[in-house]
Amino acid sequence: MLRRFFLGGCLIAWVFGAAPARAQAPGWPVQPVRLVIGFAAGGPTDIVARSFAEHAAKGLGQPMIVDNKPGANTIIAAEAVANAADAHTLLLAATNHTMIPALYSGRVKFDALKSFKPVCMLASAPTVLVVGPSLGARTLAEFVQKAKASPLAITYASPGIGSSVHFAGEVFARQAGVKLTHIPYKGAAPAVADVMAGQVDASFATLGSVLPMIRSGKLTALAIASSQRSAQLPGVPTFDEAGVKGYAADAWYGLLAPAAAPEAVVKLLQREALAYAASAAGSEKLRSLGMVPQPLCGEAFANQMAREVATYSQVAKELNLKAD
């Protein structure tokens, strides 16, 4: 049996009323801080990184410079931080960081968990199961019923083999007790376009990327893969509410430091992360991207990452899935 698929399912208590204290860690930072991301400029990870960097620079008293290192499914960026000399180099990671062990086992020069010290998750982006008008399913129950009646007949599109959407679909199929056919594309945009055109039946997409199509009626949202409903689509149930218990597939964006980062530095960065999530500017920026502030720090963040690595590795093993 697969473990429950928790992405963003854990919460920590935190206080919104007052900004956290900005106590300095002794001797740090003594130079600009480099925030590395594994994506090109302009995407959601880049926007989150630049928004957080602008906020954190004020509290740290040093510039925080975003360094885009796209390529190799974020491995180039992660390796740069894993090998960094000190905590002046950080990583703004996304969900696919915990997929690296499943897809590249034995082929990377770092450990996705042990080579980093989790600071805080900053935000999560709800994932939604969407279908095109031609499928004729208006609820998750109808979707599951159709899938059970005709195994492998229902198709779902993803941005590619081993993508977060691919994993989300496979884990859903296992937990719902259905068999779907995966159709990989070279990118999210053509995948969603073909769902709207009726060439593919469904897809699992971040809410922000498909919200306009849902509101215009070009796509139908069947369920939100979060622990609670989205304020932007209050009429759409969670998977739990719709009958697939324990399924969640939020995308997340979080801050990681090199494994050797001093605890005092990590705590200082956690204060900045909490202050950012609690700030009006930070919250507004995240919500404009279809995300929600979700400060999950330290051990809680580490535990979530470990659960994801275990789940993705099991799915990849069952599918005999390896990245090229």
Foldseek 3Di string as FASTA:
>chain_A
DFDFQDDLADADDDDLPDADDLDADPCPPPAEAEEEEADDPDDPLNLLVVLLQVLVCVSRVYHYHYDYRHDPQRLVRVVCQLPDPAQSYKYWYKPCLLLCCQAQPPNGDDDSQQQWFFQKWWWWFKKFKKWFPVVPDQAVVSVLVVQAVPAQPAEAEDLAFSDLFNLLVLVLCVLSVGHYHYDHHNGDVVRVVCRLVVVHTITIGGCLVCVVCCVVRSMHTHAIQYPADDPSCNPHYHCCVRPRPSGHRIMTIGMIHGNPYDPSVSVSVNSSSSSLLSDPSNQVSQVNSNIGTGIDGGPRVSVSSVSSSVNSNVSCVVVVHYDD
